[in-house]
Amino acid sequence: MKADFAQKLPFGGRMMSFHDGLVLSQFAPEPHVEEDVVPRKILEERKARNDKYYKAISLAIFFVIWQVICYLNGQANWFNPVFLPSPLMVVETGWQYLMDGTLVTHIGISFFRMIAGFAIGVVVALVLGLAIAMRRDVDNIFSPILNMVGPIPVFAFLPIFLIWFGIGEASKIALIAYATFIPLMTYIIDGVKATDPLLIRSAKSLGATEWQVFTKVILNSAMPHIFAGMKITLALTFSALVVAEMMGASSGLGYIIVNAKNWFKMADMFLAATLIGLEYTLFYGFLCLIEKRLFRWKAVASGKAVEK
């Protein structure tokens, strides 16, 4: 029996050493992980597709409930129906704006102001944020100033910008850019400082130049933080857009709200507010699409972390 057991052992019947085990492990067949990975990918795609349907259904239910409340209010007269126009009234108002040719003009002007201010704010935040995060002398110069100015509400600067740049487009774009620049710079600084020092030392040990370390390691490491900051500050950008168009403007979605307030046109107010929300949703979705394309690994990691 001992001889039979010895025949089953490798290496002439002697016990296998640790080194022999490592050698044999090199020739062991690899596990078939593809069978587990492919169903998971299909499941994640199916969940993402279902999530889109659920969100669309949720939005449709919201408008249906809104319409039902307005209808019941018209029958029971709970409050003045003028205070809450129905979605159908808002659509009719939008159709009237579209027919007279002013709706596209208001949407286009607001979109131009938002894009211009947001782009300027992102560029300034990138330049100054990277400089503060990577150079101690720049940090010592600008950090005290930014810490003093940062807590001041952005809208408090609107009268100042109107005096400095006039009532034209410059003051509105400057306010939107400032509303984007201040909070975004914090995310950029945190993203740069969160870079793993081991990655930087490894790149330098492999002969990378300072520029290569910055572009290939530091900037790539900070990009997820930068995109997260851009998505969060986008809401502040649209808030600044509406406030800027409410003062000293003759066009734009914010102007529609102010003009409707003067004439008590509630349907016009709801129309402008809805269009602002749609513009924000479209631009936010565009940023999410770019983020998904650039950081595919982030989607995989989040999919593993959230199972339900």
Protein backbone atom coordinates (compact mmCIF):
# COMPACT_ATOMS: atom_id res chain seq x y z
CA MET A 1 0.00 0.00 0.00
CA LYS A 2 2.90 2.29 0.74
CA ALA A 3 4.40 1.42 -2.62
CA ASP A 4 1.13 2.23 -4.37
CA PHE A 5 0.97 5.62 -2.62
CA ALA A 6 4.60 6.31 -3.57
CA GLN A 7 3.85 5.58 -7.21
CA LYS A 8 1.21 8.29 -7.18
CA LEU A 9 3.70 10.87 -5.95
CA PRO A 10 5.80 12.76 -8.51
CA PHE A 11 9.58 12.81 -8.59
CA GLY A 12 10.05 9.06 -8.08
CA GLY A 13 7.89 8.71 -5.01
CA ARG A 14 9.48 11.42 -2.87
CA MET A 15 7.49 14.26 -1.35
CA MET A 16 7.19 17.43 -3.43
CA SER A 17 9.24 20.41 -2.26
CA PHE A 18 8.10 24.04 -2.34
CA HIS A 19 10.32 24.76 -5.33
CA ASP A 20 8.94 21.76 -7.23
CA GLY A 21 5.41 22.99 -6.54
CA LEU A 22 6.20 26.40 -8.02
CA VAL A 23 7.65 24.76 -11.12
CA LEU A 24 4.59 22.59 -11.65
CA SER A 25 2.26 25.53 -11.09
CA GLN A 26 3.68 27.22 -14.20
CA PHE A 27 2.22 24.43 -16.33
CA ALA A 28 -1.16 24.27 -14.61
CA PRO A 29 -4.11 25.20 -16.85
CA GLU A 30 -5.49 28.69 -16.31
CA PRO A 31 -9.03 28.97 -14.94
CA HIS A 32 -11.78 29.70 -17.43
CA VAL A 33 -12.66 33.15 -16.09
CA GLU A 34 -14.24 34.22 -19.37
CA GLU A 35 -17.28 32.09 -18.58
CA ASP A 36 -17.84 34.21 -15.46
CA VAL A 37 -16.95 37.55 -17.02
CA VAL A 38 -19.17 37.44 -20.10
CA PRO A 39 -22.45 36.83 -18.23
CA ARG A 40 -21.56 39.62 -15.84
CA LYS A 41 -21.02 42.05 -18.72
CA ILE A 42 -24.34 41.09 -20.25
CA LEU A 43 -26.04 41.50 -16.88
CA GLU A 44 -24.53 44.96 -16.36
CA GLU A 45 -25.63 46.09 -19.82
CA ARG A 46 -29.11 44.80 -19.13
CA LYS A 47 -29.25 46.65 -15.81
CA ALA A 48 -28.03 49.88 -17.43
CA ARG A 49 -30.70 49.58 -20.14
CA ASN A 50 -33.39 48.93 -17.55
CA ASP A 51 -32.23 51.92 -15.51
CA LYS A 52 -32.81 54.17 -18.53
CA TYR A 53 -36.34 52.82 -18.88
CA TYR A 54 -37.05 53.31 -15.19
CA LYS A 55 -35.82 56.91 -15.29
CA ALA A 56 -37.94 57.70 -18.35
CA ILE A 57 -41.00 56.11 -16.73
CA SER A 58 -40.37 58.06 -13.51
CA LEU A 59 -40.24 61.34 -15.46
CA ALA A 60 -43.43 60.47 -17.34
CA ILE A 61 -45.23 59.62 -14.09
CA PHE A 62 -44.16 62.99 -12.65
CA PHE A 63 -45.78 64.89 -15.53
CA VAL A 64 -48.90 62.71 -15.38
CA ILE A 65 -49.30 63.40 -11.64
CA TRP A 66 -48.75 67.10 -12.32
CA GLN A 67 -51.48 67.07 -14.99
CA VAL A 68 -53.89 65.13 -12.76
CA ILE A 69 -53.39 67.56 -9.88
CA CYS A 70 -54.10 70.51 -12.16
CA TYR A 71 -57.22 68.80 -13.51
CA LEU A 72 -58.54 67.95 -10.05
CA ASN A 73 -57.76 71.47 -8.87
CA GLY A 74 -59.80 72.85 -11.76
CA GLN A 75 -62.74 70.71 -10.68
CA ALA A 76 -62.48 71.17 -6.89
CA ASN A 77 -60.93 74.65 -6.90
CA TRP A 78 -58.44 73.92 -4.09
CA PHE A 79 -56.39 77.00 -5.03
CA ASN A 80 -56.20 79.50 -7.84
CA PRO A 81 -55.46 77.50 -11.03
CA VAL A 82 -53.32 80.36 -12.33
CA PHE A 83 -50.68 79.61 -9.69
CA LEU A 84 -50.01 76.11 -11.09
CA PRO A 85 -50.41 75.77 -14.86
CA SER A 86 -50.75 72.28 -16.24
CA PRO A 87 -48.07 70.65 -18.42
CA LEU A 88 -50.39 71.02 -21.42
CA MET A 89 -50.60 74.77 -20.82
CA VAL A 90 -46.80 74.93 -20.61
CA VAL A 91 -46.50 73.03 -23.89
CA GLU A 92 -49.01 75.37 -25.54
CA THR A 93 -47.03 78.37 -24.32
CA GLY A 94 -43.82 76.86 -25.69
CA TRP A 95 -45.52 76.28 -29.03
CA GLN A 96 -46.54 79.94 -29.16
CA TYR A 97 -42.95 81.01 -28.47
CA LEU A 98 -41.78 78.63 -31.18
CA MET A 99 -44.24 79.96 -33.73
CA ASP A 100 -43.24 83.60 -33.23
CA GLY A 101 -39.55 82.63 -33.55
CA THR A 102 -38.37 83.76 -30.11
CA LEU A 103 -38.02 80.39 -28.37
CA VAL A 104 -34.99 79.25 -30.36
CA THR A 105 -33.39 82.68 -29.88
CA HIS A 106 -33.79 82.60 -26.09
CA ILE A 107 -32.51 79.03 -25.83
CA GLY A 108 -29.53 79.72 -28.12
CA ILE A 109 -28.45 82.85 -26.26
CA SER A 110 -28.67 81.16 -22.86
CA PHE A 111 -26.75 78.16 -24.17
CA PHE A 112 -24.02 80.41 -25.61
CA ARG A 113 -23.62 82.30 -22.34
CA MET A 114 -23.47 79.07 -20.36
CA ILE A 115 -20.93 77.41 -22.68
CA ALA A 116 -18.69 80.49 -22.83
CA GLY A 117 -18.72 81.08 -19.06
CA PHE A 118 -18.30 77.40 -18.23
CA ALA A 119 -15.38 76.99 -20.63
CA ILE A 120 -13.57 80.08 -19.33
CA GLY A 121 -14.13 79.01 -15.74
CA VAL A 122 -12.79 75.50 -16.40
CA VAL A 123 -9.66 76.80 -18.14
CA VAL A 124 -8.87 79.33 -15.41
CA ALA A 125 -9.52 76.75 -12.68
CA LEU A 126 -7.23 74.24 -14.41
CA VAL A 127 -4.34 76.67 -14.82
CA LEU A 128 -4.52 78.16 -11.33
CA GLY A 129 -5.51 74.93 -9.58
CA LEU A 130 -2.62 72.94 -11.07
CA ALA A 131 -0.19 75.73 -10.25
CA ILE A 132 -1.37 75.93 -6.63
CA ALA A 133 -1.26 72.17 -6.18
CA MET A 134 2.24 71.73 -7.63
CA ARG A 135 4.10 74.87 -6.52
CA ARG A 136 4.38 75.91 -2.91
CA ASP A 137 5.14 79.56 -3.71
CA VAL A 138 2.01 79.89 -5.85
CA ASP A 139 0.00 78.25 -3.07
CA ASN A 140 1.33 80.75 -0.54
CA ILE A 141 0.38 83.68 -2.78
CA PHE A 142 -3.11 82.73 -3.96
CA SER A 143 -4.53 80.50 -1.23
CA PRO A 144 -5.09 83.30 1.34
CA ILE A 145 -6.85 85.41 -1.28
CA LEU A 146 -9.04 82.59 -2.50
CA ASN A 147 -9.89 81.54 1.06
CA MET A 148 -11.08 85.07 1.73
CA VAL A 149 -13.04 85.54 -1.52
CA GLY A 150 -14.37 81.99 -1.85
CA PRO A 151 -17.03 82.08 0.92
CA ILE A 152 -18.60 85.24 -0.53
CA PRO A 153 -21.78 84.32 -2.47
CA VAL A 154 -21.20 84.47 -6.20
CA PHE A 155 -24.34 86.52 -6.80
CA ALA A 156 -23.01 89.31 -4.60
CA PHE A 157 -20.51 90.07 -7.38
CA LEU A 158 -23.18 90.65 -10.02
CA PRO A 159 -23.55 94.43 -9.35
CA ILE A 160 -19.76 94.72 -9.36
CA PHE A 161 -19.48 92.89 -12.68
CA LEU A 162 -22.24 95.07 -14.14
CA ILE A 163 -20.25 98.18 -13.21
CA TRP A 164 -16.95 96.75 -14.41
CA PHE A 165 -18.06 95.13 -17.68
CA GLY A 166 -21.34 96.88 -18.44
CA ILE A 167 -24.77 95.36 -19.07
CA GLY A 168 -23.66 93.48 -22.17
CA GLU A 169 -22.57 89.89 -22.54
CA ALA A 170 -19.22 90.37 -20.78
CA SER A 171 -20.72 90.83 -17.30
CA LYS A 172 -22.97 87.77 -17.65
CA ILE A 173 -20.20 85.51 -18.96
CA ALA A 174 -17.83 86.77 -16.26
CA LEU A 175 -20.31 85.92 -13.50
CA ILE A 176 -20.89 82.42 -14.93
CA ALA A 177 -17.15 81.85 -15.26
CA TYR A 178 -16.54 82.96 -11.68
CA ALA A 179 -19.32 80.69 -10.40
CA THR A 180 -17.61 77.77 -12.19
CA PHE A 181 -14.03 78.66 -11.33
CA ILE A 182 -14.15 78.85 -7.53
CA PRO A 183 -15.64 75.43 -6.62
CA LEU A 184 -13.97 73.56 -9.49
CA MET A 185 -10.50 74.64 -8.43
CA THR A 186 -10.94 72.83 -5.11
CA TYR A 187 -11.54 69.53 -6.90
CA ILE A 188 -8.50 70.08 -9.12
CA ILE A 189 -6.21 70.75 -6.17
CA ASP A 190 -7.52 67.73 -4.28
CA GLY A 191 -7.13 65.55 -7.37
CA VAL A 192 -3.50 66.54 -7.92
CA LYS A 193 -2.57 66.13 -4.26
CA ALA A 194 -4.27 62.73 -4.16
CA THR A 195 -1.84 61.33 -6.74
CA ASP A 196 0.03 58.32 -5.38
CA PRO A 197 3.68 59.36 -4.72
CA LEU A 198 4.74 55.81 -5.57
CA LEU A 199 3.55 56.31 -9.13
CA ILE A 200 5.56 59.51 -9.45
CA ARG A 201 8.73 57.91 -8.08
CA SER A 202 8.26 54.88 -10.32
CA ALA A 203 7.90 57.07 -13.41
CA LYS A 204 11.02 59.06 -12.51
CA SER A 205 13.00 55.89 -11.84
CA LEU A 206 12.12 54.73 -15.36
CA GLY A 207 13.57 57.91 -16.82
CA ALA A 208 10.44 60.01 -17.29
CA THR A 209 10.91 63.76 -17.58
CA GLU A 210 9.04 66.27 -15.44
CA TRP A 211 6.64 66.99 -18.30
CA GLN A 212 5.98 63.29 -18.82
CA VAL A 213 5.36 62.80 -15.10
CA PHE A 214 2.89 65.69 -15.16
CA THR A 215 0.98 64.63 -18.29
CA LYS A 216 1.11 60.85 -17.90
CA VAL A 217 0.86 60.43 -14.13
CA ILE A 218 -0.36 63.51 -12.25
CA LEU A 219 -2.88 64.79 -14.79
CA ASN A 220 -4.29 61.33 -15.51
CA SER A 221 -4.65 60.68 -11.79
CA ALA A 222 -6.46 63.99 -11.25
CA MET A 223 -8.84 63.69 -14.22
CA PRO A 224 -11.57 61.73 -12.38
CA HIS A 225 -11.62 64.41 -9.67
CA ILE A 226 -11.73 67.14 -12.31
CA PHE A 227 -14.72 65.59 -14.08
CA ALA A 228 -16.50 65.08 -10.77
CA GLY A 229 -15.96 68.76 -10.00
CA MET A 230 -17.19 69.79 -13.45
CA LYS A 231 -20.43 67.86 -13.00
CA ILE A 232 -21.03 69.32 -9.55
CA THR A 233 -20.22 72.92 -10.53
CA LEU A 234 -22.48 72.66 -13.58
CA ALA A 235 -25.51 73.28 -11.34
CA LEU A 236 -23.86 76.44 -9.99
CA THR A 237 -23.15 77.49 -13.57
CA PHE A 238 -26.83 77.33 -14.50
CA SER A 239 -27.79 79.14 -11.30
CA ALA A 240 -25.43 81.97 -12.20
CA LEU A 241 -26.82 81.97 -15.75
CA VAL A 242 -30.39 82.52 -14.55
CA VAL A 243 -29.37 85.25 -12.09
CA ALA A 244 -27.25 87.02 -14.71
CA GLU A 245 -30.12 87.00 -17.21
CA MET A 246 -32.55 88.32 -14.64
CA MET A 247 -30.59 91.58 -14.35
CA GLY A 248 -29.74 93.73 -17.32
CA ALA A 249 -30.76 91.24 -20.02
CA SER A 250 -33.26 91.48 -22.86
CA SER A 251 -33.09 87.84 -23.95
CA GLY A 252 -32.50 84.40 -22.55
CA LEU A 253 -34.46 81.96 -20.39
CA GLY A 254 -33.81 83.98 -17.24
CA TYR A 255 -35.22 87.05 -18.98
CA ILE A 256 -38.40 85.09 -19.79
CA ILE A 257 -38.88 84.40 -16.08
CA VAL A 258 -38.43 88.05 -15.10
CA ASN A 259 -40.66 89.32 -17.89
CA ALA A 260 -43.33 86.75 -17.02
CA LYS A 261 -43.18 87.85 -13.37
CA ASN A 262 -43.99 91.41 -14.36
CA TRP A 263 -47.07 90.27 -16.30
CA PHE A 264 -48.00 87.35 -14.01
CA LYS A 265 -47.56 84.75 -16.76
CA MET A 266 -47.07 81.60 -14.74
CA ALA A 267 -47.00 79.32 -17.78
CA ASP A 268 -44.08 81.32 -19.19
CA MET A 269 -42.20 80.94 -15.90
CA PHE A 270 -42.73 77.18 -15.85
CA LEU A 271 -41.72 76.95 -19.51
CA ALA A 272 -38.43 78.75 -18.92
CA ALA A 273 -37.71 76.73 -15.77
CA THR A 274 -38.40 73.47 -17.62
CA LEU A 275 -36.14 74.44 -20.51
CA ILE A 276 -33.36 75.35 -18.09
CA GLY A 277 -33.71 71.92 -16.50
CA LEU A 278 -33.61 70.25 -19.92
CA GLU A 279 -30.48 72.17 -20.92
CA TYR A 280 -28.80 71.16 -17.68
CA THR A 281 -29.79 67.52 -18.15
CA LEU A 282 -28.44 67.41 -21.71
CA PHE A 283 -25.13 69.02 -20.82
CA TYR A 284 -24.76 66.86 -17.71
CA GLY A 285 -25.39 63.78 -19.82
CA PHE A 286 -22.77 64.97 -22.30
CA LEU A 287 -20.19 65.26 -19.51
CA CYS A 288 -21.13 61.81 -18.21
CA LEU A 289 -20.71 60.38 -21.72
CA ILE A 290 -17.21 61.85 -22.03
CA GLU A 291 -16.33 60.60 -18.55
CA LYS A 292 -17.57 57.13 -19.43
CA ARG A 293 -15.46 57.06 -22.59
CA LEU A 294 -12.32 58.27 -20.85
CA PHE A 295 -12.60 56.25 -17.65
CA ARG A 296 -14.02 52.86 -18.57
CA TRP A 297 -12.29 51.33 -15.55
CA LYS A 298 -14.35 53.58 -13.28
CA ALA A 299 -17.59 52.12 -14.63
CA VAL A 300 -16.30 48.60 -14.06
CA ALA A 301 -15.24 49.39 -10.48
CA SER A 302 -18.56 51.03 -9.66
CA GLY A 303 -20.42 48.09 -11.16
CA LYS A 304 -18.58 45.70 -8.86
CA ALA A 305 -19.19 47.89 -5.84
CA VAL A 306 -22.93 48.29 -6.41
CA GLU A 307 -24.66 44.99 -7.00
CA LYS A 308 -28.30 45.96 -6.63
